[in-house]
Amino acid sequence: MCFRPAAVSMTNKCPKCGAEAALDLTVCPECGAELPKVPSMPGMPAAPGAAPGVPAAPGVPAAPGAPAAPGAPAAPGAPKPPTA
């Protein structure tokens, strides 16, 4: 199976003149119009607590009081340990 990520534009388009501008700019370099704020890219880790449902950055500890992951279930038909 082949994975091809969605095309992501690394520029912002001016709503007034249509010029392409870098994502970090707040005004169009061609006409001076205010550029729209660019949402964060989907799939990129956010700062801890940034938004609900957004995965935390790797290496960030779990929230306090979070339940531990359950253990693996026993295999079906596995022999039971002997009792004394």
N, C-alpha and C. Protein backbone atom coordinates (compact mmCIF):
# COMPACT_ATOMS: atom_id res chain seq x y z
N MET A 1 0.85 -1.18 0.00
CA MET A 1 0.00 0.00 0.00
C MET A 1 0.89 1.23 0.00
N CYS A 2 0.57 2.15 -0.84
CA CYS A 2 1.38 3.37 -0.99
C CYS A 2 0.74 4.50 -0.19
N PHE A 3 1.57 5.25 0.49
CA PHE A 3 1.08 6.41 1.24
C PHE A 3 1.58 7.67 0.58
N ARG A 4 0.67 8.52 0.22
CA ARG A 4 1.05 9.81 -0.35
C ARG A 4 0.39 10.89 0.49
N PRO A 5 1.20 11.72 1.19
CA PRO A 5 0.59 12.76 2.02
C PRO A 5 -0.14 13.79 1.16
N ALA A 6 -1.12 14.41 1.76
CA ALA A 6 -1.89 15.45 1.07
C ALA A 6 -0.97 16.61 0.71
N ALA A 7 -1.25 17.24 -0.38
CA ALA A 7 -0.44 18.40 -0.80
C ALA A 7 -0.67 19.53 0.20
N VAL A 8 0.42 20.10 0.67
CA VAL A 8 0.34 21.19 1.63
C VAL A 8 1.02 22.41 1.03
N SER A 9 0.31 23.50 1.00
CA SER A 9 0.88 24.73 0.48
C SER A 9 1.70 25.41 1.56
N MET A 10 2.89 25.85 1.21
CA MET A 10 3.76 26.53 2.16
C MET A 10 3.67 28.04 1.99
N THR A 11 2.63 28.49 1.32
CA THR A 11 2.40 29.92 1.14
C THR A 11 0.95 30.25 1.51
N ASN A 12 0.70 31.53 1.67
CA ASN A 12 -0.63 32.04 1.99
C ASN A 12 -1.06 32.90 0.82
N LYS A 13 -2.30 32.78 0.38
CA LYS A 13 -2.79 33.54 -0.76
C LYS A 13 -3.53 34.79 -0.29
N CYS A 14 -3.17 35.94 -0.88
CA CYS A 14 -3.82 37.21 -0.51
C CYS A 14 -5.25 37.21 -1.01
N PRO A 15 -6.22 37.52 -0.12
CA PRO A 15 -7.62 37.54 -0.55
C PRO A 15 -7.95 38.72 -1.47
N LYS A 16 -7.11 39.75 -1.47
CA LYS A 16 -7.39 40.94 -2.26
C LYS A 16 -6.80 40.84 -3.67
N CYS A 17 -5.49 40.54 -3.78
CA CYS A 17 -4.85 40.54 -5.10
C CYS A 17 -4.47 39.15 -5.59
N GLY A 18 -4.53 38.13 -4.71
CA GLY A 18 -4.22 36.77 -5.12
C GLY A 18 -2.75 36.42 -5.11
N ALA A 19 -1.90 37.33 -4.65
CA ALA A 19 -0.46 37.06 -4.61
C ALA A 19 -0.14 36.01 -3.55
N GLU A 20 0.91 35.23 -3.80
CA GLU A 20 1.38 34.24 -2.84
C GLU A 20 2.35 34.92 -1.87
N ALA A 21 2.18 34.64 -0.57
CA ALA A 21 3.04 35.24 0.44
C ALA A 21 3.49 34.16 1.41
N ALA A 22 4.63 34.34 2.04
CA ALA A 22 5.14 33.38 3.02
C ALA A 22 4.16 33.26 4.18
N LEU A 23 4.14 32.09 4.83
CA LEU A 23 3.19 31.83 5.91
C LEU A 23 3.39 32.73 7.12
N ASP A 24 4.61 33.22 7.33
CA ASP A 24 4.87 34.04 8.51
C ASP A 24 4.50 35.51 8.33
N LEU A 25 4.12 35.92 7.13
CA LEU A 25 3.75 37.32 6.89
C LEU A 25 2.31 37.59 7.32
N THR A 26 2.06 38.80 7.81
CA THR A 26 0.70 39.18 8.21
C THR A 26 0.06 40.14 7.22
N VAL A 27 0.88 40.76 6.35
CA VAL A 27 0.35 41.65 5.31
C VAL A 27 0.92 41.22 3.96
N CYS A 28 0.17 41.43 2.90
CA CYS A 28 0.58 41.06 1.55
C CYS A 28 1.74 41.94 1.10
N PRO A 29 2.82 41.35 0.58
CA PRO A 29 3.94 42.16 0.10
C PRO A 29 3.62 42.92 -1.19
N GLU A 30 2.57 42.51 -1.91
CA GLU A 30 2.21 43.16 -3.18
C GLU A 30 1.28 44.35 -2.98
N CYS A 31 0.19 44.15 -2.21
CA CYS A 31 -0.82 45.22 -2.10
C CYS A 31 -0.98 45.77 -0.69
N GLY A 32 -0.38 45.10 0.32
CA GLY A 32 -0.46 45.59 1.70
C GLY A 32 -1.71 45.17 2.45
N ALA A 33 -2.56 44.35 1.83
CA ALA A 33 -3.77 43.89 2.50
C ALA A 33 -3.41 42.91 3.62
N GLU A 34 -4.28 42.86 4.64
CA GLU A 34 -4.04 41.93 5.74
C GLU A 34 -4.31 40.51 5.26
N LEU A 35 -3.35 39.61 5.56
CA LEU A 35 -3.49 38.21 5.16
C LEU A 35 -4.26 37.44 6.22
N PRO A 36 -5.02 36.43 5.82
CA PRO A 36 -5.76 35.62 6.80
C PRO A 36 -4.79 34.81 7.64
N LYS A 37 -5.19 34.55 8.88
CA LYS A 37 -4.36 33.72 9.76
C LYS A 37 -4.39 32.30 9.22
N VAL A 38 -3.23 31.67 9.22
CA VAL A 38 -3.12 30.32 8.70
C VAL A 38 -3.30 29.34 9.85
N PRO A 39 -4.24 28.40 9.74
CA PRO A 39 -4.40 27.40 10.80
C PRO A 39 -3.19 26.48 10.84
N SER A 40 -2.99 25.84 11.98
CA SER A 40 -1.87 24.90 12.09
C SER A 40 -2.11 23.74 11.13
N MET A 41 -1.03 23.13 10.71
CA MET A 41 -1.13 22.04 9.75
C MET A 41 -1.68 20.80 10.43
N PRO A 42 -2.60 20.10 9.80
CA PRO A 42 -3.13 18.88 10.40
C PRO A 42 -2.05 17.82 10.51
N GLY A 43 -2.10 17.10 11.62
CA GLY A 43 -1.13 16.05 11.83
C GLY A 43 0.14 16.48 12.52
N MET A 44 0.34 17.76 12.67
CA MET A 44 1.54 18.25 13.35
C MET A 44 1.27 18.29 14.84
N PRO A 45 2.21 17.83 15.68
CA PRO A 45 1.98 17.87 17.12
C PRO A 45 1.88 19.31 17.62
N ALA A 46 1.00 19.53 18.54
CA ALA A 46 0.80 20.86 19.10
C ALA A 46 1.43 20.95 20.48
N ALA A 47 1.47 22.13 21.02
CA ALA A 47 1.97 22.32 22.38
C ALA A 47 1.02 21.63 23.35
N PRO A 48 1.53 21.08 24.45
CA PRO A 48 0.65 20.41 25.40
C PRO A 48 -0.47 21.33 25.87
N GLY A 49 -1.69 20.82 25.83
CA GLY A 49 -2.84 21.60 26.28
C GLY A 49 -3.30 22.64 25.27
N ALA A 50 -2.78 22.57 24.03
CA ALA A 50 -3.12 23.59 23.04
C ALA A 50 -4.59 23.52 22.64
N ALA A 51 -5.05 22.34 22.33
CA ALA A 51 -6.44 22.19 21.92
C ALA A 51 -6.90 20.78 22.25
N PRO A 52 -8.14 20.63 22.64
CA PRO A 52 -8.62 19.27 22.95
C PRO A 52 -8.65 18.41 21.69
N GLY A 53 -8.26 17.16 21.86
CA GLY A 53 -8.27 16.24 20.73
C GLY A 53 -7.02 16.27 19.89
N VAL A 54 -6.13 17.22 20.13
CA VAL A 54 -4.88 17.30 19.38
C VAL A 54 -3.83 16.50 20.13
N PRO A 55 -3.13 15.60 19.44
CA PRO A 55 -2.13 14.80 20.14
C PRO A 55 -0.99 15.66 20.68
N ALA A 56 -0.47 15.26 21.84
CA ALA A 56 0.64 16.00 22.45
C ALA A 56 1.94 15.66 21.73
N ALA A 57 2.93 16.49 21.93
CA ALA A 57 4.24 16.26 21.34
C ALA A 57 4.85 15.01 21.94
N PRO A 58 5.69 14.30 21.17
CA PRO A 58 6.32 13.09 21.70
C PRO A 58 7.17 13.39 22.92
N GLY A 59 7.15 12.49 23.89
CA GLY A 59 7.96 12.66 25.09
C GLY A 59 7.29 13.43 26.20
N VAL A 60 6.08 13.94 25.96
CA VAL A 60 5.36 14.69 26.97
C VAL A 60 4.66 13.69 27.88
N PRO A 61 4.82 13.80 29.19
CA PRO A 61 4.17 12.83 30.08
C PRO A 61 2.65 12.95 30.02
N ALA A 62 1.99 11.87 30.40
CA ALA A 62 0.53 11.85 30.40
C ALA A 62 -0.01 12.81 31.45
N ALA A 63 -1.24 13.20 31.29
CA ALA A 63 -1.87 14.11 32.24
C ALA A 63 -1.95 13.44 33.61
N PRO A 64 -1.83 14.21 34.69
CA PRO A 64 -1.93 13.62 36.02
C PRO A 64 -3.28 12.93 36.21
N GLY A 65 -3.25 11.78 36.86
CA GLY A 65 -4.49 11.08 37.14
C GLY A 65 -5.00 10.26 35.97
N ALA A 66 -4.26 10.22 34.85
CA ALA A 66 -4.70 9.43 33.71
C ALA A 66 -4.62 7.95 34.07
N PRO A 67 -5.61 7.16 33.69
CA PRO A 67 -5.57 5.74 34.02
C PRO A 67 -4.46 5.03 33.26
N ALA A 68 -3.95 3.96 33.85
CA ALA A 68 -2.91 3.17 33.20
C ALA A 68 -3.54 2.33 32.10
N ALA A 69 -2.75 1.95 31.14
CA ALA A 69 -3.24 1.11 30.05
C ALA A 69 -3.54 -0.28 30.60
N PRO A 70 -4.60 -0.92 30.12
CA PRO A 70 -4.93 -2.26 30.61
C PRO A 70 -3.90 -3.28 30.13
N GLY A 71 -3.79 -4.38 30.88
CA GLY A 71 -2.88 -5.45 30.50
C GLY A 71 -3.43 -6.23 29.33
N ALA A 72 -2.60 -7.05 28.73
CA ALA A 72 -3.03 -7.87 27.60
C ALA A 72 -3.97 -8.96 28.10
N PRO A 73 -5.00 -9.28 27.33
CA PRO A 73 -5.92 -10.34 27.75
C PRO A 73 -5.25 -11.70 27.60
N ALA A 74 -5.73 -12.68 28.34
CA ALA A 74 -5.20 -14.03 28.24
C ALA A 74 -5.61 -14.63 26.90
N ALA A 75 -4.75 -15.45 26.35
CA ALA A 75 -5.05 -16.10 25.07
C ALA A 75 -6.19 -17.10 25.27
N PRO A 76 -7.08 -17.20 24.32
CA PRO A 76 -8.19 -18.16 24.46
C PRO A 76 -7.65 -19.58 24.46
N GLY A 77 -8.15 -20.39 25.37
CA GLY A 77 -7.74 -21.78 25.46
C GLY A 77 -6.39 -21.99 26.10
N ALA A 78 -5.82 -20.94 26.69
CA ALA A 78 -4.51 -21.08 27.33
C ALA A 78 -4.67 -21.89 28.61
N PRO A 79 -3.70 -22.75 28.93
CA PRO A 79 -3.80 -23.55 30.15
C PRO A 79 -3.77 -22.66 31.39
N LYS A 80 -4.51 -23.06 32.39
CA LYS A 80 -4.55 -22.31 33.64
C LYS A 80 -3.39 -22.76 34.52
N PRO A 81 -2.82 -21.85 35.31
CA PRO A 81 -1.72 -22.25 36.18
C PRO A 81 -2.23 -23.23 37.25
N PRO A 82 -1.36 -24.18 37.65
CA PRO A 82 -1.80 -25.16 38.66
C PRO A 82 -2.06 -24.47 40.00
N THR A 83 -3.01 -25.00 40.73
CA THR A 83 -3.32 -24.49 42.07
C THR A 83 -2.83 -25.49 43.11
N ALA A 84 -2.43 -25.03 44.26
CA ALA A 84 -1.90 -25.89 45.30
C ALA A 84 -2.94 -26.47 46.19
